Amino acid sequence: MTKPISRPRNILDILAFLESLRETNIHFSLRSSRDDSISVDFTLVGCRVEVDFFEDHIEFSYFKGDEGVERDWKIMEQLLNDHWSDD
């Protein structure tokens, strides 16, 4: 069992959150795809996590999967057709 990570409240807690990830040897990346937030992305076994730090709150999304490897490019084409929109 890993040490629990303290619940962040807003963007002021981002440095403490990053330090908690480092302490538990969870590698992460930072990105900024919106004007009003900073995102922290990391991967756990079987789960990818995106945490968005805003001025006054935190939001996160997680994506579970089997992490299998595919070689059939038709599957990639189908994924792009099913999940991509340029709207």
PDB file of N, CA and C in Angstrom:
ATOM      1  N   MET A   1       0.865  -1.182   0.000  1.00  0.00           N
ATOM      2  CA  MET A   1       0.000   0.000   0.000  1.00  0.00           C
ATOM      3  C   MET A   1       0.899   1.228   0.000  1.00  0.00           C
ATOM      4  N   THR A   2       0.575   2.180  -0.847  1.00  0.00           N
ATOM      5  CA  THR A   2       1.343   3.413  -0.900  1.00  0.00           C
ATOM      6  C   THR A   2       0.797   4.426   0.091  1.00  0.00           C
ATOM      7  N   LYS A   3       1.611   5.403   0.380  1.00  0.00           N
ATOM      8  CA  LYS A   3       1.202   6.493   1.259  1.00  0.00           C
ATOM      9  C   LYS A   3       0.076   7.274   0.581  1.00  0.00           C
ATOM     10  N   PRO A   4      -1.001   7.587   1.310  1.00  0.00           N
ATOM     11  CA  PRO A   4      -2.087   8.356   0.692  1.00  0.00           C
ATOM     12  C   PRO A   4      -1.624   9.759   0.299  1.00  0.00           C
ATOM     13  N   ILE A   5      -2.137  10.226  -0.806  1.00  0.00           N
ATOM     14  CA  ILE A   5      -1.815  11.576  -1.282  1.00  0.00           C
ATOM     15  C   ILE A   5      -2.886  12.518  -0.764  1.00  0.00           C
ATOM     16  N   SER A   6      -2.459  13.611  -0.163  1.00  0.00           N
ATOM     17  CA  SER A   6      -3.401  14.591   0.374  1.00  0.00           C
ATOM     18  C   SER A   6      -4.280  15.156  -0.727  1.00  0.00           C
ATOM     19  N   ARG A   7      -5.526  15.426  -0.399  1.00  0.00           N
ATOM     20  CA  ARG A   7      -6.477  15.960  -1.368  1.00  0.00           C
ATOM     21  C   ARG A   7      -6.171  17.431  -1.648  1.00  0.00           C
ATOM     22  N   PRO A   8      -5.814  17.750  -2.885  1.00  0.00           N
ATOM     23  CA  PRO A   8      -5.593  19.159  -3.228  1.00  0.00           C
ATOM     24  C   PRO A   8      -6.923  19.897  -3.341  1.00  0.00           C
ATOM     25  N   ARG A   9      -6.908  21.200  -3.087  1.00  0.00           N
ATOM     26  CA  ARG A   9      -8.131  22.006  -3.138  1.00  0.00           C
ATOM     27  C   ARG A   9      -8.171  22.944  -4.345  1.00  0.00           C
ATOM     28  N   ASN A  10      -7.004  23.431  -4.751  1.00  0.00           N
ATOM     29  CA  ASN A  10      -6.957  24.380  -5.865  1.00  0.00           C
ATOM     30  C   ASN A  10      -5.533  24.438  -6.407  1.00  0.00           C
ATOM     31  N   ILE A  11      -5.283  25.368  -7.302  1.00  0.00           N
ATOM     32  CA  ILE A  11      -3.981  25.434  -7.966  1.00  0.00           C
ATOM     33  C   ILE A  11      -2.837  25.724  -6.989  1.00  0.00           C
ATOM     34  N   LEU A  12      -3.142  26.296  -5.840  1.00  0.00           N
ATOM     35  CA  LEU A  12      -2.096  26.566  -4.847  1.00  0.00           C
ATOM     36  C   LEU A  12      -1.507  25.269  -4.286  1.00  0.00           C
ATOM     37  N   ASP A  13      -2.221  24.174  -4.416  1.00  0.00           N
ATOM     38  CA  ASP A  13      -1.765  22.883  -3.899  1.00  0.00           C
ATOM     39  C   ASP A  13      -1.012  22.041  -4.930  1.00  0.00           C
ATOM     40  N   ILE A  14      -0.771  22.575  -6.116  1.00  0.00           N
ATOM     41  CA  ILE A  14      -0.174  21.768  -7.178  1.00  0.00           C
ATOM     42  C   ILE A  14       1.233  21.296  -6.825  1.00  0.00           C
ATOM     43  N   LEU A  15       2.052  22.147  -6.212  1.00  0.00           N
ATOM     44  CA  LEU A  15       3.418  21.738  -5.887  1.00  0.00           C
ATOM     45  C   LEU A  15       3.440  20.617  -4.853  1.00  0.00           C
ATOM     46  N   ALA A  16       2.596  20.694  -3.858  1.00  0.00           N
ATOM     47  CA  ALA A  16       2.516  19.621  -2.862  1.00  0.00           C
ATOM     48  C   ALA A  16       2.034  18.329  -3.511  1.00  0.00           C
ATOM     49  N   PHE A  17       1.080  18.423  -4.435  1.00  0.00           N
ATOM     50  CA  PHE A  17       0.588  17.242  -5.136  1.00  0.00           C
ATOM     51  C   PHE A  17       1.702  16.604  -5.964  1.00  0.00           C
ATOM     52  N   LEU A  18       2.473  17.422  -6.676  1.00  0.00           N
ATOM     53  CA  LEU A  18       3.580  16.900  -7.480  1.00  0.00           C
ATOM     54  C   LEU A  18       4.626  16.225  -6.601  1.00  0.00           C
ATOM     55  N   GLU A  19       4.906  16.819  -5.458  1.00  0.00           N
ATOM     56  CA  GLU A  19       5.866  16.218  -4.538  1.00  0.00           C
ATOM     57  C   GLU A  19       5.352  14.877  -4.021  1.00  0.00           C
ATOM     58  N   SER A  20       4.058  14.771  -3.761  1.00  0.00           N
ATOM     59  CA  SER A  20       3.472  13.493  -3.333  1.00  0.00           C
ATOM     60  C   SER A  20       3.617  12.436  -4.421  1.00  0.00           C
ATOM     61  N   LEU A  21       3.415  12.827  -5.676  1.00  0.00           N
ATOM     62  CA  LEU A  21       3.603  11.883  -6.779  1.00  0.00           C
ATOM     63  C   LEU A  21       5.058  11.432  -6.849  1.00  0.00           C
ATOM     64  N   ARG A  22       5.990  12.376  -6.707  1.00  0.00           N
ATOM     65  CA  ARG A  22       7.419  12.021  -6.722  1.00  0.00           C
ATOM     66  C   ARG A  22       7.754  11.043  -5.594  1.00  0.00           C
ATOM     67  N   GLU A  23       7.239  11.309  -4.400  1.00  0.00           N
ATOM     68  CA  GLU A  23       7.524  10.454  -3.244  1.00  0.00           C
ATOM     69  C   GLU A  23       7.028   9.030  -3.447  1.00  0.00           C
ATOM     70  N   THR A  24       5.968   8.863  -4.215  1.00  0.00           N
ATOM     71  CA  THR A  24       5.432   7.527  -4.474  1.00  0.00           C
ATOM     72  C   THR A  24       5.933   6.961  -5.805  1.00  0.00           C
ATOM     73  N   ASN A  25       6.948   7.634  -6.391  1.00  0.00           N
ATOM     74  CA  ASN A  25       7.569   7.195  -7.651  1.00  0.00           C
ATOM     75  C   ASN A  25       6.584   7.107  -8.808  1.00  0.00           C
ATOM     76  N   ILE A  26       5.623   8.019  -8.834  1.00  0.00           N
ATOM     77  CA  ILE A  26       4.690   8.100  -9.956  1.00  0.00           C
ATOM     78  C   ILE A  26       5.200   9.199 -10.883  1.00  0.00           C
ATOM     79  N   HIS A  27       5.559   8.812 -12.092  1.00  0.00           N
ATOM     80  CA  HIS A  27       6.056   9.765 -13.078  1.00  0.00           C
ATOM     81  C   HIS A  27       4.865  10.511 -13.679  1.00  0.00           C
ATOM     82  N   PHE A  28       5.046  11.785 -13.929  1.00  0.00           N
ATOM     83  CA  PHE A  28       3.955  12.622 -14.407  1.00  0.00           C
ATOM     84  C   PHE A  28       4.458  13.595 -15.449  1.00  0.00           C
ATOM     85  N   SER A  29       3.527  14.208 -16.144  1.00  0.00           N
ATOM     86  CA  SER A  29       3.848  15.306 -17.058  1.00  0.00           C
ATOM     87  C   SER A  29       2.854  16.428 -16.819  1.00  0.00           C
ATOM     88  N   LEU A  30       3.316  17.631 -17.100  1.00  0.00           N
ATOM     89  CA  LEU A  30       2.478  18.820 -16.972  1.00  0.00           C
ATOM     90  C   LEU A  30       2.120  19.312 -18.360  1.00  0.00           C
ATOM     91  N   ARG A  31       0.920  19.847 -18.484  1.00  0.00           N
ATOM     92  CA  ARG A  31       0.521  20.452 -19.764  1.00  0.00           C
ATOM     93  C   ARG A  31      -0.465  21.574 -19.494  1.00  0.00           C
ATOM     94  N   SER A  32      -0.586  22.407 -20.462  1.00  0.00           N
ATOM     95  CA  SER A  32      -1.545  23.500 -20.379  1.00  0.00           C
ATOM     96  C   SER A  32      -2.285  23.564 -21.701  1.00  0.00           C
ATOM     97  N   SER A  33      -3.501  23.056 -21.724  1.00  0.00           N
ATOM     98  CA  SER A  33      -4.289  23.084 -22.950  1.00  0.00           C
ATOM     99  C   SER A  33      -5.478  24.030 -22.833  1.00  0.00           C
ATOM    100  N   ARG A  34      -5.615  24.655 -21.658  1.00  0.00           N
ATOM    101  CA  ARG A  34      -6.678  25.635 -21.426  1.00  0.00           C
ATOM    102  C   ARG A  34      -6.049  26.867 -20.785  1.00  0.00           C
ATOM    103  N   ASP A  35      -6.690  27.991 -20.957  1.00  0.00           N
ATOM    104  CA  ASP A  35      -6.169  29.238 -20.393  1.00  0.00           C
ATOM    105  C   ASP A  35      -6.303  29.320 -18.879  1.00  0.00           C
ATOM    106  N   ASP A  36      -7.203  28.529 -18.298  1.00  0.00           N
ATOM    107  CA  ASP A  36      -7.515  28.697 -16.881  1.00  0.00           C
ATOM    108  C   ASP A  36      -7.092  27.531 -15.992  1.00  0.00           C
ATOM    109  N   SER A  37      -6.224  26.638 -16.507  1.00  0.00           N
ATOM    110  CA  SER A  37      -5.821  25.498 -15.679  1.00  0.00           C
ATOM    111  C   SER A  37      -4.447  24.976 -16.077  1.00  0.00           C
ATOM    112  N   ILE A  38      -3.881  24.179 -15.179  1.00  0.00           N
ATOM    113  CA  ILE A  38      -2.664  23.408 -15.433  1.00  0.00           C
ATOM    114  C   ILE A  38      -3.031  21.951 -15.201  1.00  0.00           C
ATOM    115  N   SER A  39      -2.623  21.088 -16.119  1.00  0.00           N
ATOM    116  CA  SER A  39      -2.967  19.677 -16.029  1.00  0.00           C
ATOM    117  C   SER A  39      -1.760  18.846 -15.636  1.00  0.00           C
ATOM    118  N   VAL A  40      -2.014  17.840 -14.819  1.00  0.00           N
ATOM    119  CA  VAL A  40      -1.017  16.852 -14.429  1.00  0.00           C
ATOM    120  C   VAL A  40      -1.515  15.513 -14.951  1.00  0.00           C
ATOM    121  N   ASP A  41      -0.705  14.865 -15.772  1.00  0.00           N
ATOM    122  CA  ASP A  41      -1.070  13.571 -16.350  1.00  0.00           C
ATOM    123  C   ASP A  41      -0.125  12.505 -15.818  1.00  0.00           C
ATOM    124  N   PHE A  42      -0.686  11.362 -15.435  1.00  0.00           N
ATOM    125  CA  PHE A  42       0.150  10.242 -15.021  1.00  0.00           C
ATOM    126  C   PHE A  42      -0.581   8.942 -15.301  1.00  0.00           C
ATOM    127  N   THR A  43       0.187   7.869 -15.292  1.00  0.00           N
ATOM    128  CA  THR A  43      -0.360   6.553 -15.601  1.00  0.00           C
ATOM    129  C   THR A  43      -0.105   5.611 -14.440  1.00  0.00           C
ATOM    130  N   LEU A  44      -1.150   4.896 -14.068  1.00  0.00           N
ATOM    131  CA  LEU A  44      -1.058   3.821 -13.092  1.00  0.00           C
ATOM    132  C   LEU A  44      -1.288   2.518 -13.846  1.00  0.00           C
ATOM    133  N   VAL A  45      -1.066   1.402 -13.229  1.00  0.00           N
ATOM    134  CA  VAL A  45      -1.298   0.136 -13.914  1.00  0.00           C
ATOM    135  C   VAL A  45      -2.783   0.034 -14.255  1.00  0.00           C
ATOM    136  N   GLY A  46      -3.075  -0.021 -15.546  1.00  0.00           N
ATOM    137  CA  GLY A  46      -4.452  -0.158 -16.005  1.00  0.00           C
ATOM    138  C   GLY A  46      -5.284   1.107 -15.968  1.00  0.00           C
ATOM    139  N   CYS A  47      -4.661   2.265 -15.722  1.00  0.00           N
ATOM    140  CA  CYS A  47      -5.439   3.493 -15.591  1.00  0.00           C
ATOM    141  C   CYS A  47      -4.580   4.708 -15.913  1.00  0.00           C
ATOM    142  N   ARG A  48      -5.077   5.569 -16.791  1.00  0.00           N
ATOM    143  CA  ARG A  48      -4.430   6.847 -17.087  1.00  0.00           C
ATOM    144  C   ARG A  48      -5.251   7.932 -16.407  1.00  0.00           C
ATOM    145  N   VAL A  49      -4.572   8.901 -15.771  1.00  0.00           N
ATOM    146  CA  VAL A  49      -5.249   9.927 -14.982  1.00  0.00           C
ATOM    147  C   VAL A  49      -4.843  11.313 -15.477  1.00  0.00           C
ATOM    148  N   GLU A  50      -5.814  12.208 -15.578  1.00  0.00           N
ATOM    149  CA  GLU A  50      -5.590  13.618 -15.909  1.00  0.00           C
ATOM    150  C   GLU A  50      -6.216  14.451 -14.799  1.00  0.00           C
ATOM    151  N   VAL A  51      -5.403  15.279 -14.134  1.00  0.00           N
ATOM    152  CA  VAL A  51      -5.882  16.131 -13.053  1.00  0.00           C
ATOM    153  C   VAL A  51      -5.717  17.582 -13.501  1.00  0.00           C
ATOM    154  N   ASP A  52      -6.813  18.340 -13.483  1.00  0.00           N
ATOM    155  CA  ASP A  52      -6.796  19.750 -13.888  1.00  0.00           C
ATOM    156  C   ASP A  52      -6.910  20.629 -12.658  1.00  0.00           C
ATOM    157  N   PHE A  53      -5.912  21.468 -12.452  1.00  0.00           N
ATOM    158  CA  PHE A  53      -5.866  22.395 -11.327  1.00  0.00           C
ATOM    159  C   PHE A  53      -6.340  23.765 -11.794  1.00  0.00           C
ATOM    160  N   PHE A  54      -7.432  24.235 -11.226  1.00  0.00           N
ATOM    161  CA  PHE A  54      -7.982  25.558 -11.511  1.00  0.00           C
ATOM    162  C   PHE A  54      -7.716  26.469 -10.315  1.00  0.00           C
ATOM    163  N   GLU A  55      -7.989  27.732 -10.485  1.00  0.00           N
ATOM    164  CA  GLU A  55      -7.779  28.696  -9.406  1.00  0.00           C
ATOM    165  C   GLU A  55      -8.581  28.329  -8.156  1.00  0.00           C
ATOM    166  N   ASP A  56      -9.803  27.814  -8.341  1.00  0.00           N
ATOM    167  CA  ASP A  56     -10.675  27.597  -7.188  1.00  0.00           C
ATOM    168  C   ASP A  56     -11.156  26.163  -6.993  1.00  0.00           C
ATOM    169  N   HIS A  57     -10.707  25.224  -7.835  1.00  0.00           N
ATOM    170  CA  HIS A  57     -11.123  23.834  -7.685  1.00  0.00           C
ATOM    171  C   HIS A  57     -10.217  22.903  -8.485  1.00  0.00           C
ATOM    172  N   ILE A  58     -10.451  21.599  -8.300  1.00  0.00           N
ATOM    173  CA  ILE A  58      -9.720  20.548  -9.004  1.00  0.00           C
ATOM    174  C   ILE A  58     -10.732  19.661  -9.720  1.00  0.00           C
ATOM    175  N   GLU A  59     -10.386  19.233 -10.925  1.00  0.00           N
ATOM    176  CA  GLU A  59     -11.180  18.240 -11.647  1.00  0.00           C
ATOM    177  C   GLU A  59     -10.239  17.148 -12.114  1.00  0.00           C
ATOM    178  N   PHE A  60     -10.732  15.906 -12.180  1.00  0.00           N
ATOM    179  CA  PHE A  60      -9.896  14.845 -12.735  1.00  0.00           C
ATOM    180  C   PHE A  60     -10.727  13.867 -13.533  1.00  0.00           C
ATOM    181  N   SER A  61     -10.046  13.224 -14.479  1.00  0.00           N
ATOM    182  CA  SER A  61     -10.638  12.175 -15.298  1.00  0.00           C
ATOM    183  C   SER A  61      -9.705  10.978 -15.245  1.00  0.00           C
ATOM    184  N   TYR A  62     -10.276   9.793 -15.327  1.00  0.00           N
ATOM    185  CA  TYR A  62      -9.439   8.605 -15.402  1.00  0.00           C
ATOM    186  C   TYR A  62      -9.988   7.692 -16.481  1.00  0.00           C
ATOM    187  N   PHE A  63      -9.069   6.977 -17.095  1.00  0.00           N
ATOM    188  CA  PHE A  63      -9.397   6.140 -18.238  1.00  0.00           C
ATOM    189  C   PHE A  63      -8.828   4.754 -17.978  1.00  0.00           C
ATOM    190  N   LYS A  64      -9.708   3.774 -17.851  1.00  0.00           N
ATOM    191  CA  LYS A  64      -9.271   2.409 -17.574  1.00  0.00           C
ATOM    192  C   LYS A  64      -9.214   1.614 -18.864  1.00  0.00           C
ATOM    193  N   GLY A  65      -8.307   0.682 -18.900  1.00  0.00           N
ATOM    194  CA  GLY A  65      -8.181  -0.185 -20.062  1.00  0.00           C
ATOM    195  C   GLY A  65      -7.283  -1.359 -19.734  1.00  0.00           C
ATOM    196  N   ASP A  66      -7.192  -2.266 -20.669  1.00  0.00           N
ATOM    197  CA  ASP A  66      -6.368  -3.440 -20.424  1.00  0.00           C
ATOM    198  C   ASP A  66      -4.924  -3.243 -20.853  1.00  0.00           C
ATOM    199  N   GLU A  67      -4.610  -2.127 -21.473  1.00  0.00           N
ATOM    200  CA  GLU A  67      -3.262  -1.771 -21.913  1.00  0.00           C
ATOM    201  C   GLU A  67      -2.692  -2.770 -22.913  1.00  0.00           C
ATOM    202  N   GLY A  68      -3.581  -3.469 -23.603  1.00  0.00           N
ATOM    203  CA  GLY A  68      -3.125  -4.415 -24.614  1.00  0.00           C
ATOM    204  C   GLY A  68      -2.507  -3.697 -25.805  1.00  0.00           C
ATOM    205  N   VAL A  69      -1.684  -4.399 -26.530  1.00  0.00           N
ATOM    206  CA  VAL A  69      -1.016  -3.858 -27.708  1.00  0.00           C
ATOM    207  C   VAL A  69      -1.706  -4.411 -28.946  1.00  0.00           C
ATOM    208  N   GLU A  70      -2.006  -3.531 -29.879  1.00  0.00           N
ATOM    209  CA  GLU A  70      -2.660  -3.936 -31.124  1.00  0.00           C
ATOM    210  C   GLU A  70      -1.703  -3.732 -32.287  1.00  0.00           C
ATOM    211  N   ARG A  71      -1.873  -4.520 -33.330  1.00  0.00           N
ATOM    212  CA  ARG A  71      -1.057  -4.366 -34.538  1.00  0.00           C
ATOM    213  C   ARG A  71      -1.913  -4.159 -35.787  1.00  0.00           C
ATOM    214  N   ASP A  72      -3.202  -4.445 -35.672  1.00  0.00           N
ATOM    215  CA  ASP A  72      -4.106  -4.319 -36.809  1.00  0.00           C
ATOM    216  C   ASP A  72      -4.486  -2.846 -36.977  1.00  0.00           C
ATOM    217  N   TRP A  73      -3.991  -2.194 -38.015  1.00  0.00           N
ATOM    218  CA  TRP A  73      -4.215  -0.765 -38.214  1.00  0.00           C
ATOM    219  C   TRP A  73      -5.695  -0.436 -38.441  1.00  0.00           C
ATOM    220  N   LYS A  74      -6.475  -1.403 -38.859  1.00  0.00           N
ATOM    221  CA  LYS A  74      -7.910  -1.173 -39.032  1.00  0.00           C
ATOM    222  C   LYS A  74      -8.559  -0.798 -37.703  1.00  0.00           C
ATOM    223  N   ILE A  75      -8.041  -1.329 -36.600  1.00  0.00           N
ATOM    224  CA  ILE A  75      -8.556  -0.964 -35.279  1.00  0.00           C
ATOM    225  C   ILE A  75      -8.274   0.505 -35.001  1.00  0.00           C
ATOM    226  N   MET A  76      -7.069   0.979 -35.359  1.00  0.00           N
ATOM    227  CA  MET A  76      -6.739   2.400 -35.183  1.00  0.00           C
ATOM    228  C   MET A  76      -7.663   3.269 -36.024  1.00  0.00           C
ATOM    229  N   GLU A  77      -7.879   2.892 -37.268  1.00  0.00           N
ATOM    230  CA  GLU A  77      -8.771   3.652 -38.136  1.00  0.00           C
ATOM    231  C   GLU A  77     -10.179   3.718 -37.548  1.00  0.00           C
ATOM    232  N   GLN A  78     -10.645   2.613 -37.002  1.00  0.00           N
ATOM    233  CA  GLN A  78     -11.978   2.583 -36.407  1.00  0.00           C
ATOM    234  C   GLN A  78     -12.040   3.486 -35.172  1.00  0.00           C
ATOM    235  N   LEU A  79     -11.000   3.442 -34.340  1.00  0.00           N
ATOM    236  CA  LEU A  79     -10.952   4.327 -33.168  1.00  0.00           C
ATOM    237  C   LEU A  79     -11.024   5.790 -33.581  1.00  0.00           C
ATOM    238  N   LEU A  80     -10.242   6.146 -34.587  1.00  0.00           N
ATOM    239  CA  LEU A  80     -10.246   7.538 -35.064  1.00  0.00           C
ATOM    240  C   LEU A  80     -11.611   7.915 -35.621  1.00  0.00           C
ATOM    241  N   ASN A  81     -12.214   7.030 -36.376  1.00  0.00           N
ATOM    242  CA  ASN A  81     -13.542   7.318 -36.933  1.00  0.00           C
ATOM    243  C   ASN A  81     -14.600   7.441 -35.836  1.00  0.00           C
ATOM    244  N   ASP A  82     -14.510   6.606 -34.824  1.00  0.00           N
ATOM    245  CA  ASP A  82     -15.509   6.593 -33.755  1.00  0.00           C
ATOM    246  C   ASP A  82     -15.346   7.727 -32.742  1.00  0.00           C
ATOM    247  N   HIS A  83     -14.103   8.166 -32.533  1.00  0.00           N
ATOM    248  CA  HIS A  83     -13.828   9.062 -31.404  1.00  0.00           C
ATOM    249  C   HIS A  83     -13.227  10.408 -31.784  1.00  0.00           C
ATOM    250  N   TRP A  84     -13.169  10.755 -33.044  1.00  0.00           N
ATOM    251  CA  TRP A  84     -12.592  12.038 -33.432  1.00  0.00           C
ATOM    252  C   TRP A  84     -13.634  12.853 -34.169  1.00  0.00           C
ATOM    253  N   SER A  85     -13.698  14.102 -33.786  1.00  0.00           N
ATOM    254  CA  SER A  85     -14.593  15.034 -34.477  1.00  0.00           C
ATOM    255  C   SER A  85     -13.868  16.353 -34.617  1.00  0.00           C
ATOM    256  N   ASP A  86     -13.999  16.995 -35.746  1.00  0.00           N
ATOM    257  CA  ASP A  86     -13.368  18.306 -35.918  1.00  0.00           C
ATOM    258  C   ASP A  86     -14.386  19.429 -35.746  1.00  0.00           C
ATOM    259  N   ASP A  87     -15.499  19.143 -35.088  1.00  0.00           N
ATOM    260  CA  ASP A  87     -16.521  20.160 -34.816  1.00  0.00           C
ATOM    261  C   ASP A  87     -16.019  21.197 -33.859  1.00  0.00           C
TER     262      ASP A  87
END
